[in-house]
Amino acid sequence: MAIKVRPATESDIPQIHSIYTHYSLNTVVTFLINTPPLSYTARKFDTAQERGLPFLVAVEQAEGENGSAKANTPDKICGYAQASPFRGYMLAYGPTVELSLFVHPDYQSHGIGSTLLSALIEVLKETKHRPYEFAGDPEHEVSIQEGVQVKSLLAVMAVNSEGKNGGEGLRDWYVKRGFIERGRMKEVGFKFGKWIDTIYLQYTL
């Protein structure tokens, strides 16, 4: 299986959306409960473009007989990772971004999540986030077009008590990759008939 990580394009949005929809409807990884419209994913992509933040996809390239990529064959999206503004309506939070990372359910346990995370961190080291401040009045919106260097990457994750190691498996996965747990919030989400805690982890670039 030949996996390549590259920037997402507009044509990737339907496949990205399909992956996110799976996790929305079947897991507590995201607190979204209803089926998200395609426009939901498109807005996330557009925000990344507007803010100068990375949105990466891992793709399995279709190979020809000689091992080269097949021409005119769409890439299969195996997973994606993006950095989003954290409390993106306030300039002071400009150096901090939030991580979203999802692997297609058919491609789990192949190291794709680790590959995506490593690639995203490397891009963020050279990223200038273009933040803006909005307090309800468009006439007073302020932005920093030259951008600010990203310093912190946050991973905010749900604790699935039925998951690996009693819900700590994903948290441990992040810690092994340099994230530090900064806090927990008890029973902040309610999905599938049960209360869900969240963990905040931080990676300093």
C-alpha atoms as a PDB file:
ATOM      1  CA  MET A   1       0.000   0.000   0.000  1.00  0.00           C
ATOM      2  CA  ALA A   2       1.570   3.251  -1.190  1.00  0.00           C
ATOM      3  CA  ILE A   3       0.552   6.135   1.086  1.00  0.00           C
ATOM      4  CA  LYS A   4       1.297   9.772   0.325  1.00  0.00           C
ATOM      5  CA  VAL A   5       0.502  12.849   2.428  1.00  0.00           C
ATOM      6  CA  ARG A   6      -0.361  16.004   0.516  1.00  0.00           C
ATOM      7  CA  PRO A   7      -2.406  19.203   0.981  1.00  0.00           C
ATOM      8  CA  ALA A   8      -6.132  18.660   0.623  1.00  0.00           C
ATOM      9  CA  THR A   9      -7.883  20.041  -2.445  1.00  0.00           C
ATOM     10  CA  GLU A  10     -11.483  21.024  -3.033  1.00  0.00           C
ATOM     11  CA  SER A  11     -12.064  17.789  -4.949  1.00  0.00           C
ATOM     12  CA  ASP A  12     -11.150  15.810  -1.805  1.00  0.00           C
ATOM     13  CA  ILE A  13     -13.998  17.312   0.237  1.00  0.00           C
ATOM     14  CA  PRO A  14     -16.611  14.584  -0.478  1.00  0.00           C
ATOM     15  CA  GLN A  15     -14.268  11.795   0.678  1.00  0.00           C
ATOM     16  CA  ILE A  16     -13.170  13.791   3.726  1.00  0.00           C
ATOM     17  CA  HIS A  17     -16.810  14.444   4.536  1.00  0.00           C
ATOM     18  CA  SER A  18     -17.631  10.736   4.293  1.00  0.00           C
ATOM     19  CA  ILE A  19     -14.924   9.896   6.846  1.00  0.00           C
ATOM     20  CA  TYR A  20     -16.096  12.592   9.243  1.00  0.00           C
ATOM     21  CA  THR A  21     -19.724  11.505   8.887  1.00  0.00           C
ATOM     22  CA  HIS A  22     -18.785   7.969   9.906  1.00  0.00           C
ATOM     23  CA  TYR A  23     -17.241   9.191  13.154  1.00  0.00           C
ATOM     24  CA  SER A  24     -20.108  11.606  13.816  1.00  0.00           C
ATOM     25  CA  LEU A  25     -22.765   8.910  13.566  1.00  0.00           C
ATOM     26  CA  ASN A  26     -20.910   5.974  15.130  1.00  0.00           C
ATOM     27  CA  THR A  27     -18.499   7.300  17.770  1.00  0.00           C
ATOM     28  CA  VAL A  28     -18.034   9.898  20.496  1.00  0.00           C
ATOM     29  CA  VAL A  29     -14.776  11.098  18.932  1.00  0.00           C
ATOM     30  CA  THR A  30     -16.830  14.072  17.754  1.00  0.00           C
ATOM     31  CA  PHE A  31     -19.772  15.411  19.737  1.00  0.00           C
ATOM     32  CA  LEU A  32     -21.742  16.108  16.551  1.00  0.00           C
ATOM     33  CA  ILE A  33     -24.859  13.925  16.698  1.00  0.00           C
ATOM     34  CA  ASN A  34     -26.735  14.473  13.434  1.00  0.00           C
ATOM     35  CA  THR A  35     -25.553  13.802   9.901  1.00  0.00           C
ATOM     36  CA  PRO A  36     -23.468  16.831   8.897  1.00  0.00           C
ATOM     37  CA  PRO A  37     -24.135  18.444   5.500  1.00  0.00           C
ATOM     38  CA  LEU A  38     -21.360  18.536   2.936  1.00  0.00           C
ATOM     39  CA  SER A  39     -21.184  22.298   3.443  1.00  0.00           C
ATOM     40  CA  TYR A  40     -19.983  21.669   7.018  1.00  0.00           C
ATOM     41  CA  THR A  41     -16.776  20.070   5.752  1.00  0.00           C
ATOM     42  CA  ALA A  42     -16.448  22.592   2.929  1.00  0.00           C
ATOM     43  CA  ARG A  43     -16.501  25.448   5.469  1.00  0.00           C
ATOM     44  CA  LYS A  44     -13.719  23.811   7.463  1.00  0.00           C
ATOM     45  CA  PHE A  45     -11.647  23.538   4.297  1.00  0.00           C
ATOM     46  CA  ASP A  46     -12.363  27.158   3.345  1.00  0.00           C
ATOM     47  CA  THR A  47     -11.458  28.384   6.844  1.00  0.00           C
ATOM     48  CA  ALA A  48      -8.103  26.612   6.643  1.00  0.00           C
ATOM     49  CA  GLN A  49      -7.407  28.291   3.310  1.00  0.00           C
ATOM     50  CA  GLU A  50      -8.433  31.727   4.590  1.00  0.00           C
ATOM     51  CA  ARG A  51      -6.370  31.412   7.769  1.00  0.00           C
ATOM     52  CA  GLY A  52      -3.280  29.932   6.134  1.00  0.00           C
ATOM     53  CA  LEU A  53      -3.571  26.747   8.202  1.00  0.00           C
ATOM     54  CA  PRO A  54      -2.656  23.254   6.943  1.00  0.00           C
ATOM     55  CA  PHE A  55      -5.283  20.735   5.867  1.00  0.00           C
ATOM     56  CA  LEU A  56      -3.589  17.477   4.877  1.00  0.00           C
ATOM     57  CA  VAL A  57      -4.824  14.172   3.473  1.00  0.00           C
ATOM     58  CA  ALA A  58      -3.209  10.749   3.381  1.00  0.00           C
ATOM     59  CA  VAL A  59      -3.970   9.074   0.071  1.00  0.00           C
ATOM     60  CA  GLU A  60      -3.541   5.582  -1.300  1.00  0.00           C
ATOM     61  CA  GLN A  61      -2.464   6.058  -4.861  1.00  0.00           C
ATOM     62  CA  ALA A  62      -3.710   3.664  -7.505  1.00  0.00           C
ATOM     63  CA  GLU A  63      -0.698   1.984  -9.078  1.00  0.00           C
ATOM     64  CA  GLY A  64      -0.155   0.946 -12.682  1.00  0.00           C
ATOM     65  CA  GLU A  65       1.639  -2.172 -13.859  1.00  0.00           C
ATOM     66  CA  ASN A  66       5.086  -0.620 -13.401  1.00  0.00           C
ATOM     67  CA  GLY A  67       4.310   0.620  -9.881  1.00  0.00           C
ATOM     68  CA  SER A  68       3.749   4.241 -10.896  1.00  0.00           C
ATOM     69  CA  ALA A  69       0.571   6.111 -10.044  1.00  0.00           C
ATOM     70  CA  LYS A  70      -2.284   5.523 -12.477  1.00  0.00           C
ATOM     71  CA  ALA A  71      -3.178   8.565 -14.503  1.00  0.00           C
ATOM     72  CA  ASN A  72      -6.710   9.955 -14.269  1.00  0.00           C
ATOM     73  CA  THR A  73      -7.502   7.752 -11.254  1.00  0.00           C
ATOM     74  CA  PRO A  74      -8.760   9.628  -8.170  1.00  0.00           C
ATOM     75  CA  ASP A  75      -6.744   9.202  -4.997  1.00  0.00           C
ATOM     76  CA  LYS A  76      -8.364   7.202  -2.215  1.00  0.00           C
ATOM     77  CA  ILE A  77      -8.441   9.324   0.957  1.00  0.00           C
ATOM     78  CA  CYS A  78      -7.237   7.158   3.870  1.00  0.00           C
ATOM     79  CA  GLY A  79      -7.355   9.906   6.487  1.00  0.00           C
ATOM     80  CA  TYR A  80      -6.923  13.597   7.067  1.00  0.00           C
ATOM     81  CA  ALA A  81      -5.502  16.054   9.575  1.00  0.00           C
ATOM     82  CA  GLN A  82      -6.092  19.761   9.892  1.00  0.00           C
ATOM     83  CA  ALA A  83      -5.316  22.673  12.157  1.00  0.00           C
ATOM     84  CA  SER A  84      -8.256  24.925  13.028  1.00  0.00           C
ATOM     85  CA  PRO A  85      -8.336  28.252  14.870  1.00  0.00           C
ATOM     86  CA  PHE A  86      -8.790  27.867  18.620  1.00  0.00           C
ATOM     87  CA  ARG A  87     -11.400  30.414  19.717  1.00  0.00           C
ATOM     88  CA  GLY A  88     -10.780  31.937  16.332  1.00  0.00           C
ATOM     89  CA  TYR A  89     -12.627  35.183  16.920  1.00  0.00           C
ATOM     90  CA  MET A  90      -9.940  36.548  19.304  1.00  0.00           C
ATOM     91  CA  LEU A  91      -6.518  37.752  18.159  1.00  0.00           C
ATOM     92  CA  ALA A  92      -4.731  36.759  21.367  1.00  0.00           C
ATOM     93  CA  TYR A  93      -5.387  33.084  20.578  1.00  0.00           C
ATOM     94  CA  GLY A  94      -3.720  33.400  17.175  1.00  0.00           C
ATOM     95  CA  PRO A  95      -0.601  31.347  18.123  1.00  0.00           C
ATOM     96  CA  THR A  96      -2.786  28.415  19.244  1.00  0.00           C
ATOM     97  CA  VAL A  97      -4.576  26.011  16.895  1.00  0.00           C
ATOM     98  CA  GLU A  98      -6.664  22.896  17.407  1.00  0.00           C
ATOM     99  CA  LEU A  99      -6.055  19.512  15.820  1.00  0.00           C
ATOM    100  CA  SER A 100      -8.566  17.356  13.964  1.00  0.00           C
ATOM    101  CA  LEU A 101      -7.311  13.936  12.866  1.00  0.00           C
ATOM    102  CA  PHE A 102      -9.431  11.131  11.417  1.00  0.00           C
ATOM    103  CA  VAL A 103      -8.429   7.877   9.720  1.00  0.00           C
ATOM    104  CA  HIS A 104     -10.779   6.031   7.386  1.00  0.00           C
ATOM    105  CA  PRO A 105     -12.172   3.031   9.318  1.00  0.00           C
ATOM    106  CA  ASP A 106     -10.827   0.647   6.650  1.00  0.00           C
ATOM    107  CA  TYR A 107      -7.277   1.959   7.124  1.00  0.00           C
ATOM    108  CA  GLN A 108      -6.850   1.945  10.883  1.00  0.00           C
ATOM    109  CA  SER A 109      -3.769   0.369  12.520  1.00  0.00           C
ATOM    110  CA  HIS A 110      -1.571   1.034   9.475  1.00  0.00           C
ATOM    111  CA  GLY A 111       0.374   3.956  10.952  1.00  0.00           C
ATOM    112  CA  ILE A 112      -1.584   6.523   8.938  1.00  0.00           C
ATOM    113  CA  GLY A 113      -2.550   8.574  11.991  1.00  0.00           C
ATOM    114  CA  SER A 114       1.090   8.846  13.083  1.00  0.00           C
ATOM    115  CA  THR A 115       2.167   9.785   9.567  1.00  0.00           C
ATOM    116  CA  LEU A 116      -0.477  12.499   9.317  1.00  0.00           C
ATOM    117  CA  LEU A 117       0.301  13.928  12.743  1.00  0.00           C
ATOM    118  CA  SER A 118       4.037  14.089  12.046  1.00  0.00           C
ATOM    119  CA  ALA A 119       3.439  15.771   8.695  1.00  0.00           C
ATOM    120  CA  LEU A 120       1.045  18.312  10.210  1.00  0.00           C
ATOM    121  CA  ILE A 121       3.486  19.235  12.978  1.00  0.00           C
ATOM    122  CA  GLU A 122       6.285  19.774  10.455  1.00  0.00           C
ATOM    123  CA  VAL A 123       4.085  22.075   8.367  1.00  0.00           C
ATOM    124  CA  LEU A 124       2.938  23.993  11.455  1.00  0.00           C
ATOM    125  CA  LYS A 125       6.537  24.782  12.348  1.00  0.00           C
ATOM    126  CA  GLU A 126       6.589  27.011   9.262  1.00  0.00           C
ATOM    127  CA  THR A 127       2.974  28.180   9.433  1.00  0.00           C
ATOM    128  CA  LYS A 128       1.832  31.758   9.957  1.00  0.00           C
ATOM    129  CA  HIS A 129      -1.776  31.750  11.130  1.00  0.00           C
ATOM    130  CA  ARG A 130      -3.809  34.724   9.905  1.00  0.00           C
ATOM    131  CA  PRO A 131      -6.090  35.409  12.905  1.00  0.00           C
ATOM    132  CA  TYR A 132      -8.832  37.944  13.221  1.00  0.00           C
ATOM    133  CA  GLU A 133     -10.879  39.463  16.015  1.00  0.00           C
ATOM    134  CA  PHE A 134     -14.631  39.820  15.750  1.00  0.00           C
ATOM    135  CA  ALA A 135     -16.820  41.139  18.549  1.00  0.00           C
ATOM    136  CA  GLY A 136     -20.151  41.280  16.730  1.00  0.00           C
ATOM    137  CA  ASP A 137     -19.642  44.399  14.617  1.00  0.00           C
ATOM    138  CA  PRO A 138     -18.203  43.828  11.097  1.00  0.00           C
ATOM    139  CA  GLU A 139     -16.975  47.426  10.998  1.00  0.00           C
ATOM    140  CA  HIS A 140     -14.627  46.692  13.912  1.00  0.00           C
ATOM    141  CA  GLU A 141     -13.242  43.376  12.682  1.00  0.00           C
ATOM    142  CA  VAL A 142      -9.442  43.338  12.971  1.00  0.00           C
ATOM    143  CA  SER A 143      -7.078  40.872  11.290  1.00  0.00           C
ATOM    144  CA  ILE A 144      -3.340  40.251  11.135  1.00  0.00           C
ATOM    145  CA  GLN A 145      -2.774  39.550   7.455  1.00  0.00           C
ATOM    146  CA  GLU A 146       0.970  38.957   7.821  1.00  0.00           C
ATOM    147  CA  GLY A 147       0.126  36.146  10.230  1.00  0.00           C
ATOM    148  CA  VAL A 148       1.503  35.001  13.565  1.00  0.00           C
ATOM    149  CA  GLN A 149       3.711  31.990  14.186  1.00  0.00           C
ATOM    150  CA  VAL A 150       1.868  28.964  15.561  1.00  0.00           C
ATOM    151  CA  LYS A 151       3.235  27.913  18.951  1.00  0.00           C
ATOM    152  CA  SER A 152       0.700  25.463  20.426  1.00  0.00           C
ATOM    153  CA  LEU A 153      -1.288  22.602  18.934  1.00  0.00           C
ATOM    154  CA  LEU A 154      -4.213  21.397  21.048  1.00  0.00           C
ATOM    155  CA  ALA A 155      -5.839  17.978  20.888  1.00  0.00           C
ATOM    156  CA  VAL A 156      -9.224  18.021  22.596  1.00  0.00           C
ATOM    157  CA  MET A 157     -10.465  14.447  22.857  1.00  0.00           C
ATOM    158  CA  ALA A 158     -13.462  12.639  24.245  1.00  0.00           C
ATOM    159  CA  VAL A 159     -12.985   9.860  26.764  1.00  0.00           C
ATOM    160  CA  ASN A 160     -14.845   6.831  25.473  1.00  0.00           C
ATOM    161  CA  SER A 161     -15.204   4.618  28.530  1.00  0.00           C
ATOM    162  CA  GLU A 162     -15.802   1.643  26.237  1.00  0.00           C
ATOM    163  CA  GLY A 163     -12.655   2.286  24.244  1.00  0.00           C
ATOM    164  CA  LYS A 164      -9.130   0.970  24.592  1.00  0.00           C
ATOM    165  CA  ASN A 165      -7.761   1.039  28.149  1.00  0.00           C
ATOM    166  CA  GLY A 166     -11.040   2.366  29.482  1.00  0.00           C
ATOM    167  CA  GLY A 167     -10.931   5.353  27.180  1.00  0.00           C
ATOM    168  CA  GLU A 168      -7.294   6.242  27.862  1.00  0.00           C
ATOM    169  CA  GLY A 169      -5.875   4.584  24.738  1.00  0.00           C
ATOM    170  CA  LEU A 170      -6.126   7.615  22.482  1.00  0.00           C
ATOM    171  CA  ARG A 171      -4.847   9.892  25.226  1.00  0.00           C
ATOM    172  CA  ASP A 172      -1.794   7.634  25.641  1.00  0.00           C
ATOM    173  CA  TRP A 173      -1.264   7.638  21.865  1.00  0.00           C
ATOM    174  CA  TYR A 174      -0.940  11.426  21.903  1.00  0.00           C
ATOM    175  CA  VAL A 175       1.307  11.463  24.983  1.00  0.00           C
ATOM    176  CA  LYS A 176       3.742   9.075  23.262  1.00  0.00           C
ATOM    177  CA  ARG A 177       4.000  11.617  20.452  1.00  0.00           C
ATOM    178  CA  GLY A 178       4.927  14.555  22.665  1.00  0.00           C
ATOM    179  CA  PHE A 179       1.577  15.914  23.823  1.00  0.00           C
ATOM    180  CA  ILE A 180       1.107  16.845  27.482  1.00  0.00           C
ATOM    181  CA  GLU A 181      -2.214  16.511  29.265  1.00  0.00           C
ATOM    182  CA  ARG A 182      -3.323  19.919  30.553  1.00  0.00           C
ATOM    183  CA  GLY A 183      -6.713  19.153  32.043  1.00  0.00           C
ATOM    184  CA  ARG A 184      -9.990  17.260  32.037  1.00  0.00           C
ATOM    185  CA  MET A 185     -13.613  18.297  32.026  1.00  0.00           C
ATOM    186  CA  LYS A 186     -16.183  15.951  33.523  1.00  0.00           C
ATOM    187  CA  GLU A 187     -19.484  15.135  31.831  1.00  0.00           C
ATOM    188  CA  VAL A 188     -19.443  17.968  29.316  1.00  0.00           C
ATOM    189  CA  GLY A 189     -20.984  15.943  26.492  1.00  0.00           C
ATOM    190  CA  PHE A 190     -24.006  13.635  26.257  1.00  0.00           C
ATOM    191  CA  LYS A 191     -24.177  11.223  23.343  1.00  0.00           C
ATOM    192  CA  PHE A 192     -25.532   7.714  22.826  1.00  0.00           C
ATOM    193  CA  GLY A 193     -27.302   7.946  26.181  1.00  0.00           C
ATOM    194  CA  LYS A 194     -24.205   8.510  28.307  1.00  0.00           C
ATOM    195  CA  TRP A 195     -22.118  11.338  29.731  1.00  0.00           C
ATOM    196  CA  ILE A 196     -18.702  11.919  28.186  1.00  0.00           C
ATOM    197  CA  ASP A 197     -15.577  13.579  29.598  1.00  0.00           C
ATOM    198  CA  THR A 198     -12.990  15.458  27.570  1.00  0.00           C
ATOM    199  CA  ILE A 199      -9.204  15.715  27.862  1.00  0.00           C
ATOM    200  CA  TYR A 200      -7.126  18.696  26.750  1.00  0.00           C
ATOM    201  CA  LEU A 201      -3.620  17.944  25.481  1.00  0.00           C
ATOM    202  CA  GLN A 202      -1.016  20.397  24.224  1.00  0.00           C
ATOM    203  CA  TYR A 203       1.956  20.075  21.892  1.00  0.00           C
ATOM    204  CA  THR A 204       4.429  22.970  21.913  1.00  0.00           C
ATOM    205  CA  LEU A 205       6.113  23.631  18.575  1.00  0.00           C
END
